[in-house]
Amino acid sequence: MRLIVNSGGPQAIEEWRAQFRIFAPELDVVGWHENVDPATIDYALVWAPDTGRLATFPNLKLIISAGAGVDHILADPHLPRHLSIARMVTSRTQTEMAEYVLTSALMLTRNLKRVVDNQARRRWEIFDSLRVAADVRVGIMGLGHLGIASAQLLSRVGFPVSGWSRGASKLEGLPSYAGQAQFNDFLHQTDLLVCLLPATDATKGILNTATLSQLPRGASLINAGRGAHMVEQDIINALDSGHLHQAVLDVFEHEPLPESSPLWTHPGIIITPHCAAIPDRKERARHTALLIEANECGEPLPNIYDPQRGY
């Protein structure tokens, strides 16, 4: 069997080969930019593949996303629609996302951006607006594997947590809301909104003025879902008006975030470079090997993209 890899660039292919020798030594691993016969490719592990390239592999059995999202694959108008796409969701992905959300929530709770900004100015300021986790009601949009893992960790630390999803979903032991009819009720009791929704037509632009205005004044935002969820100017306006206190943003409509973006310099925004949950190559190779083995045995695969649901 042959796997073609497009993740990390040509310089990463030797590390990929080394990892797959551990987990699938029988697998022939080739790089995206190597000269290979397209008919020999059985599997593809990709991130943002070149438009039309996947369609050139006539015997391709499965497309595996190198990340949890698949929008970078679906953007290809020539994508072979009959092929399944496996999302890279592992136990480590869940841990990394949950820890990212917890870290961001604690930073916002303790107003650490103000401390870091003061350090840059060499300014010693003691302010008395300290809160603890129990004071901040966290609402998580999106109750998939990542949302549930984040909710559970936040709750263990002491944050009051609730969840919302577009369809019926349960957050065991914690309040949960579902559908548009319960959306505003969910927002009204959320001091810190966390977006972990999938990218679908229904969720595009959901972080807009209409949504943010339903939060209590002074609420904060963490977006580690998708850049398409944000109407960036609406977030800036909410911050400028004081309705939104601060935001931690990990994903953007255009990545890398352009140097000209006003998000970089806004005093109320902390930016991270789409790094909330990126399993290392060892973990992704292990998971990919398991997916290929299961597919070869005709077993059902986890976290397959569902066109009907949009994720």
Protein backbone atom coordinates (compact mmCIF):
# COMPACT_ATOMS: atom_id res chain seq x y z
CA MET A 1 0.00 0.00 0.00
CA ARG A 2 1.12 3.53 -0.68
CA LEU A 3 0.33 6.67 1.29
CA ILE A 4 0.98 10.15 -0.05
CA VAL A 5 1.54 12.90 2.55
CA ASN A 6 0.99 16.62 2.19
CA SER A 7 1.62 18.01 5.66
CA GLY A 8 4.60 19.98 6.88
CA GLY A 9 6.18 20.46 3.47
CA PRO A 10 8.91 18.44 1.70
CA GLN A 11 11.24 18.89 4.68
CA ALA A 12 8.90 16.86 6.89
CA ILE A 13 8.63 13.73 4.75
CA GLU A 14 11.60 11.92 6.31
CA GLU A 15 10.10 12.38 9.78
CA TRP A 16 6.77 11.08 8.47
CA ARG A 17 8.52 8.01 7.07
CA ALA A 18 10.29 7.44 10.38
CA GLN A 19 7.02 7.59 12.31
CA PHE A 20 5.18 5.30 9.91
CA ARG A 21 8.01 2.75 10.15
CA ILE A 22 6.98 2.45 13.80
CA PHE A 23 3.23 2.13 13.30
CA ALA A 24 2.86 0.72 9.77
CA PRO A 25 6.22 -0.58 8.52
CA GLU A 26 4.62 -2.19 5.47
CA LEU A 27 3.32 1.17 4.25
CA ASP A 28 5.16 2.94 1.43
CA VAL A 29 5.14 6.64 2.30
CA VAL A 30 5.77 9.23 -0.42
CA GLY A 31 5.81 12.99 -0.36
CA TRP A 32 3.26 15.21 -2.07
CA HIS A 33 5.90 16.76 -4.32
CA GLU A 34 7.65 13.55 -5.30
CA ASN A 35 7.32 12.15 -8.81
CA VAL A 36 5.07 9.12 -8.34
CA ASP A 37 2.60 7.20 -10.48
CA PRO A 38 -0.87 8.52 -9.41
CA ALA A 39 -2.38 5.07 -9.95
CA THR A 40 -0.22 3.64 -7.12
CA ILE A 41 -1.67 5.91 -4.42
CA ASP A 42 -4.07 4.16 -2.02
CA TYR A 43 -4.35 6.72 0.78
CA ALA A 44 -3.74 10.46 1.18
CA LEU A 45 -2.89 12.31 4.41
CA VAL A 46 -3.30 15.98 3.55
CA TRP A 47 -3.63 19.54 4.70
CA ALA A 48 -4.81 22.14 2.15
CA PRO A 49 -4.08 19.96 -0.89
CA ASP A 50 -3.50 21.60 -4.27
CA THR A 51 -6.73 22.10 -6.19
CA GLY A 52 -7.50 19.10 -8.35
CA ARG A 53 -4.62 16.92 -7.15
CA LEU A 54 -6.70 14.39 -5.19
CA ALA A 55 -8.81 13.75 -8.30
CA THR A 56 -5.70 12.52 -10.14
CA PHE A 57 -5.40 9.42 -7.93
CA PRO A 58 -7.75 6.89 -9.60
CA ASN A 59 -7.34 4.18 -6.94
CA LEU A 60 -7.55 6.38 -3.85
CA LYS A 61 -9.48 4.64 -1.06
CA LEU A 62 -9.63 7.28 1.68
CA ILE A 63 -8.68 10.91 2.30
CA ILE A 64 -7.33 11.62 5.78
CA SER A 65 -7.26 15.19 7.04
CA ALA A 66 -4.08 16.12 8.89
CA GLY A 67 -6.25 18.19 11.25
CA ALA A 68 -9.66 18.06 12.88
CA GLY A 69 -11.25 20.21 10.17
CA VAL A 70 -11.99 19.29 6.57
CA ASP A 71 -12.89 22.67 5.05
CA HIS A 72 -9.37 22.90 3.56
CA ILE A 73 -10.19 19.72 1.60
CA LEU A 74 -13.78 20.60 0.71
CA ALA A 75 -12.57 23.87 -0.84
CA ASP A 76 -11.31 21.85 -3.82
CA PRO A 77 -14.03 22.02 -6.53
CA HIS A 78 -12.59 18.86 -8.15
CA LEU A 79 -12.68 16.80 -4.96
CA PRO A 80 -13.78 13.19 -5.64
CA ARG A 81 -17.10 13.30 -3.81
CA HIS A 82 -17.45 9.52 -3.59
CA LEU A 83 -14.48 9.25 -1.24
CA SER A 84 -14.77 9.35 2.54
CA ILE A 85 -12.80 11.95 4.48
CA ALA A 86 -11.52 11.01 7.93
CA ARG A 87 -11.03 13.83 10.43
CA MET A 88 -7.91 13.82 12.62
CA VAL A 89 -9.61 13.62 16.00
CA THR A 90 -7.61 11.65 18.54
CA SER A 91 -7.54 11.47 22.32
CA ARG A 92 -4.54 13.79 22.22
CA THR A 93 -6.48 16.26 20.05
CA GLN A 94 -9.17 16.37 22.71
CA THR A 95 -6.61 16.88 25.49
CA GLU A 96 -4.80 19.64 23.61
CA MET A 97 -8.01 21.52 22.83
CA ALA A 98 -9.32 21.19 26.38
CA GLU A 99 -6.04 22.48 27.80
CA TYR A 100 -5.96 25.37 25.31
CA VAL A 101 -9.49 26.41 26.30
CA LEU A 102 -8.67 26.09 30.00
CA THR A 103 -5.46 28.12 29.63
CA SER A 104 -7.30 30.83 27.70
CA ALA A 105 -10.18 30.87 30.19
CA LEU A 106 -7.79 31.31 33.13
CA MET A 107 -5.89 34.07 31.31
CA LEU A 108 -9.13 35.94 30.70
CA THR A 109 -10.38 35.33 34.23
CA ARG A 110 -7.20 36.74 35.76
CA ASN A 111 -6.83 39.49 33.11
CA LEU A 112 -3.30 38.39 32.27
CA LYS A 113 -3.23 40.35 29.02
CA ARG A 114 -3.27 43.53 31.08
CA VAL A 115 -0.30 42.21 33.07
CA VAL A 116 1.64 41.29 29.92
CA ASP A 117 0.90 44.67 28.33
CA ASN A 118 2.07 46.40 31.49
CA GLN A 119 5.30 44.42 31.40
CA ALA A 120 5.94 45.61 27.84
CA ARG A 121 5.55 49.18 29.13
CA ARG A 122 7.57 48.48 32.31
CA ARG A 123 4.53 49.57 34.26
CA TRP A 124 3.89 48.24 37.78
CA GLU A 125 0.14 48.24 38.32
CA ILE A 126 -1.86 46.44 40.97
CA PHE A 127 -5.54 46.16 40.13
CA ASP A 128 -8.28 44.63 42.23
CA SER A 129 -10.47 43.01 39.58
CA LEU A 130 -9.34 39.47 40.31
CA ARG A 131 -11.86 36.70 39.82
CA VAL A 132 -11.72 32.96 40.32
CA ALA A 133 -13.10 30.23 38.07
CA ALA A 134 -16.33 29.94 40.05
CA ASP A 135 -17.16 33.56 39.20
CA VAL A 136 -17.13 33.01 35.42
CA ARG A 137 -19.95 31.18 33.66
CA VAL A 138 -18.55 29.47 30.57
CA GLY A 139 -20.76 28.59 27.61
CA ILE A 140 -19.39 26.21 24.99
CA MET A 141 -20.82 26.29 21.47
CA GLY A 142 -20.33 22.89 19.89
CA LEU A 143 -20.67 19.64 21.82
CA GLY A 144 -18.60 17.29 19.74
CA HIS A 145 -15.57 15.44 21.09
CA LEU A 146 -13.57 18.65 21.55
CA GLY A 147 -16.40 20.59 23.15
CA ILE A 148 -17.23 17.84 25.62
CA ALA A 149 -13.57 17.35 26.61
CA SER A 150 -13.20 21.11 27.15
CA ALA A 151 -16.39 21.32 29.18
CA GLN A 152 -15.34 18.46 31.44
CA LEU A 153 -11.91 19.93 32.16
CA LEU A 154 -13.27 23.43 32.81
CA SER A 155 -15.87 22.01 35.15
CA ARG A 156 -13.27 20.04 37.12
CA VAL A 157 -11.30 23.25 37.66
CA GLY A 158 -14.38 25.00 39.01
CA PHE A 159 -15.91 26.94 36.13
CA PRO A 160 -19.71 26.76 35.88
CA VAL A 161 -20.14 25.30 32.39
CA SER A 162 -23.05 24.93 30.00
CA GLY A 163 -23.15 23.87 26.38
CA TRP A 164 -25.08 24.60 23.21
CA SER A 165 -25.34 22.70 19.95
CA ARG A 166 -27.42 23.19 16.82
CA GLY A 167 -29.04 19.77 17.23
CA ALA A 168 -30.02 17.77 20.26
CA SER A 169 -26.95 16.91 22.31
CA LYS A 170 -26.32 16.11 25.93
CA LEU A 171 -23.54 17.39 28.17
CA GLU A 172 -23.52 14.80 30.93
CA GLY A 173 -23.94 16.35 34.35
CA LEU A 174 -23.97 19.91 32.99
CA PRO A 175 -26.70 22.17 31.57
CA SER A 176 -27.09 21.96 27.81
CA TYR A 177 -29.11 23.88 25.25
CA ALA A 178 -29.99 23.02 21.68
CA GLY A 179 -31.28 24.74 18.58
CA GLN A 180 -32.08 28.31 17.69
CA ALA A 181 -35.00 28.45 20.12
CA GLN A 182 -32.65 28.04 23.10
CA PHE A 183 -29.70 29.98 21.73
CA ASN A 184 -30.42 33.32 23.39
CA ASP A 185 -31.17 31.68 26.75
CA PHE A 186 -27.75 30.04 26.52
CA LEU A 187 -26.03 33.32 25.65
CA HIS A 188 -27.76 35.33 28.40
CA GLN A 189 -26.09 33.29 31.13
CA THR A 190 -22.62 33.11 29.53
CA ASP A 191 -19.77 35.29 30.79
CA LEU A 192 -17.20 33.55 28.62
CA LEU A 193 -18.28 32.23 25.23
CA VAL A 194 -16.19 29.42 23.71
CA CYS A 195 -16.76 28.57 20.05
CA LEU A 196 -15.83 25.03 19.03
CA LEU A 197 -18.45 24.59 16.33
CA PRO A 198 -17.73 22.85 13.03
CA ALA A 199 -17.58 24.93 9.87
CA THR A 200 -20.92 24.59 8.08
CA ASP A 201 -23.16 26.90 6.08
CA ALA A 202 -25.37 27.25 9.16
CA THR A 203 -22.52 28.30 11.47
CA LYS A 204 -20.78 30.70 9.07
CA GLY A 205 -20.61 34.17 10.63
CA ILE A 206 -22.33 33.07 13.85
CA LEU A 207 -19.97 35.21 15.95
CA ASN A 208 -21.62 38.44 14.87
CA THR A 209 -23.27 41.47 16.45
CA ALA A 210 -26.58 39.66 16.93
CA THR A 211 -24.91 36.87 18.88
CA LEU A 212 -22.48 38.97 20.88
CA SER A 213 -25.17 41.47 21.91
CA GLN A 214 -27.01 38.68 23.77
CA LEU A 215 -24.04 38.10 26.07
CA PRO A 216 -23.88 40.01 29.38
CA ARG A 217 -21.92 43.24 29.06
CA GLY A 218 -18.25 42.64 29.79
CA ALA A 219 -18.28 39.03 28.57
CA SER A 220 -15.28 37.50 26.81
CA LEU A 221 -14.80 35.25 23.80
CA ILE A 222 -12.58 32.31 22.84
CA ASN A 223 -12.75 31.14 19.24
CA ALA A 224 -10.86 27.94 18.49
CA GLY A 225 -13.44 26.64 16.01
CA ARG A 226 -13.05 28.12 12.55
CA GLY A 227 -12.23 31.54 11.18
CA ALA A 228 -15.43 31.45 9.12
CA HIS A 229 -17.43 31.66 12.35
CA MET A 230 -16.28 35.22 12.94
CA VAL A 231 -17.48 38.49 11.52
CA GLU A 232 -14.22 40.18 12.45
CA GLN A 233 -15.48 43.76 12.34
CA ASP A 234 -18.42 42.85 14.58
CA ILE A 235 -16.01 41.46 17.17
CA ILE A 236 -13.88 44.61 16.98
CA ASN A 237 -16.98 46.79 17.37
CA ALA A 238 -18.13 44.79 20.40
CA LEU A 239 -14.71 45.20 22.00
CA ASP A 240 -14.55 48.92 21.22
CA SER A 241 -18.00 49.49 22.76
CA GLY A 242 -17.05 47.62 25.92
CA HIS A 243 -19.81 45.08 25.49
CA LEU A 244 -17.09 42.48 24.92
CA HIS A 245 -14.18 42.71 27.34
CA GLN A 246 -11.53 40.54 25.71
CA ALA A 247 -11.13 37.84 23.08
CA VAL A 248 -8.70 34.99 22.48
CA LEU A 249 -8.69 34.10 18.77
CA ASP A 250 -6.91 31.08 17.32
CA VAL A 251 -8.52 30.80 13.88
CA PHE A 252 -9.10 33.31 11.10
CA GLU A 253 -10.78 33.61 7.72
CA HIS A 254 -7.39 34.18 6.09
CA GLU A 255 -4.34 32.36 7.44
CA PRO A 256 -1.65 33.29 8.11
CA LEU A 257 -3.38 36.38 9.49
CA PRO A 258 -2.30 39.29 7.24
CA GLU A 259 0.07 41.81 8.84
CA SER A 260 -2.42 44.54 7.93
CA SER A 261 -5.22 42.99 10.03
CA PRO A 262 -6.41 45.29 12.85
CA LEU A 263 -6.82 42.19 15.03
CA TRP A 264 -3.04 42.10 15.59
CA THR A 265 -2.91 45.39 17.44
CA HIS A 266 -6.29 45.56 19.14
CA PRO A 267 -5.75 45.97 22.91
CA GLY A 268 -8.57 43.57 23.73
CA ILE A 269 -7.40 40.64 21.59
CA ILE A 270 -4.96 37.81 22.23
CA ILE A 271 -3.95 36.02 19.01
CA THR A 272 -2.60 32.50 18.73
CA PRO A 273 -1.57 31.06 15.32
CA HIS A 274 -4.11 28.23 14.84
CA CYS A 275 -2.26 26.09 17.35
CA ALA A 276 -5.01 25.11 19.82
CA ALA A 277 -4.96 21.41 18.99
CA ILE A 278 -2.26 20.08 16.70
CA PRO A 279 -1.26 16.49 17.48
CA ASP A 280 2.41 15.86 16.80
CA ARG A 281 3.46 13.77 13.82
CA LYS A 282 3.91 10.68 15.94
CA GLU A 283 0.29 10.81 17.10
CA ARG A 284 -1.03 11.58 13.62
CA ALA A 285 0.99 8.74 12.11
CA ARG A 286 -0.32 6.35 14.77
CA HIS A 287 -3.92 7.41 14.13
CA THR A 288 -3.50 7.28 10.35
CA ALA A 289 -2.08 3.76 10.58
CA LEU A 290 -5.11 2.68 12.62
CA LEU A 291 -7.48 4.23 10.08
CA ILE A 292 -5.77 2.48 7.17
CA GLU A 293 -5.78 -0.88 8.97
CA ALA A 294 -9.47 -0.53 9.84
CA ASN A 295 -10.34 0.50 6.29
CA GLU A 296 -8.44 -2.46 4.82
CA CYS A 297 -10.38 -4.77 7.15
CA GLY A 298 -13.72 -3.23 6.18
CA GLU A 299 -14.33 -1.90 9.69
CA PRO A 300 -16.27 1.33 10.36
CA LEU A 301 -14.06 4.41 10.70
CA PRO A 302 -14.43 7.07 13.39
CA ASN A 303 -15.00 10.77 12.72
CA ILE A 304 -15.86 10.49 9.04
CA TYR A 305 -17.08 13.74 7.48
CA ASP A 306 -20.86 13.69 7.02
CA PRO A 307 -21.99 15.95 4.13
CA GLN A 308 -25.53 16.02 5.53
CA ARG A 309 -24.42 17.45 8.88
CA GLY A 310 -21.59 19.48 7.41
CA TYR A 311 -18.88 18.05 9.68
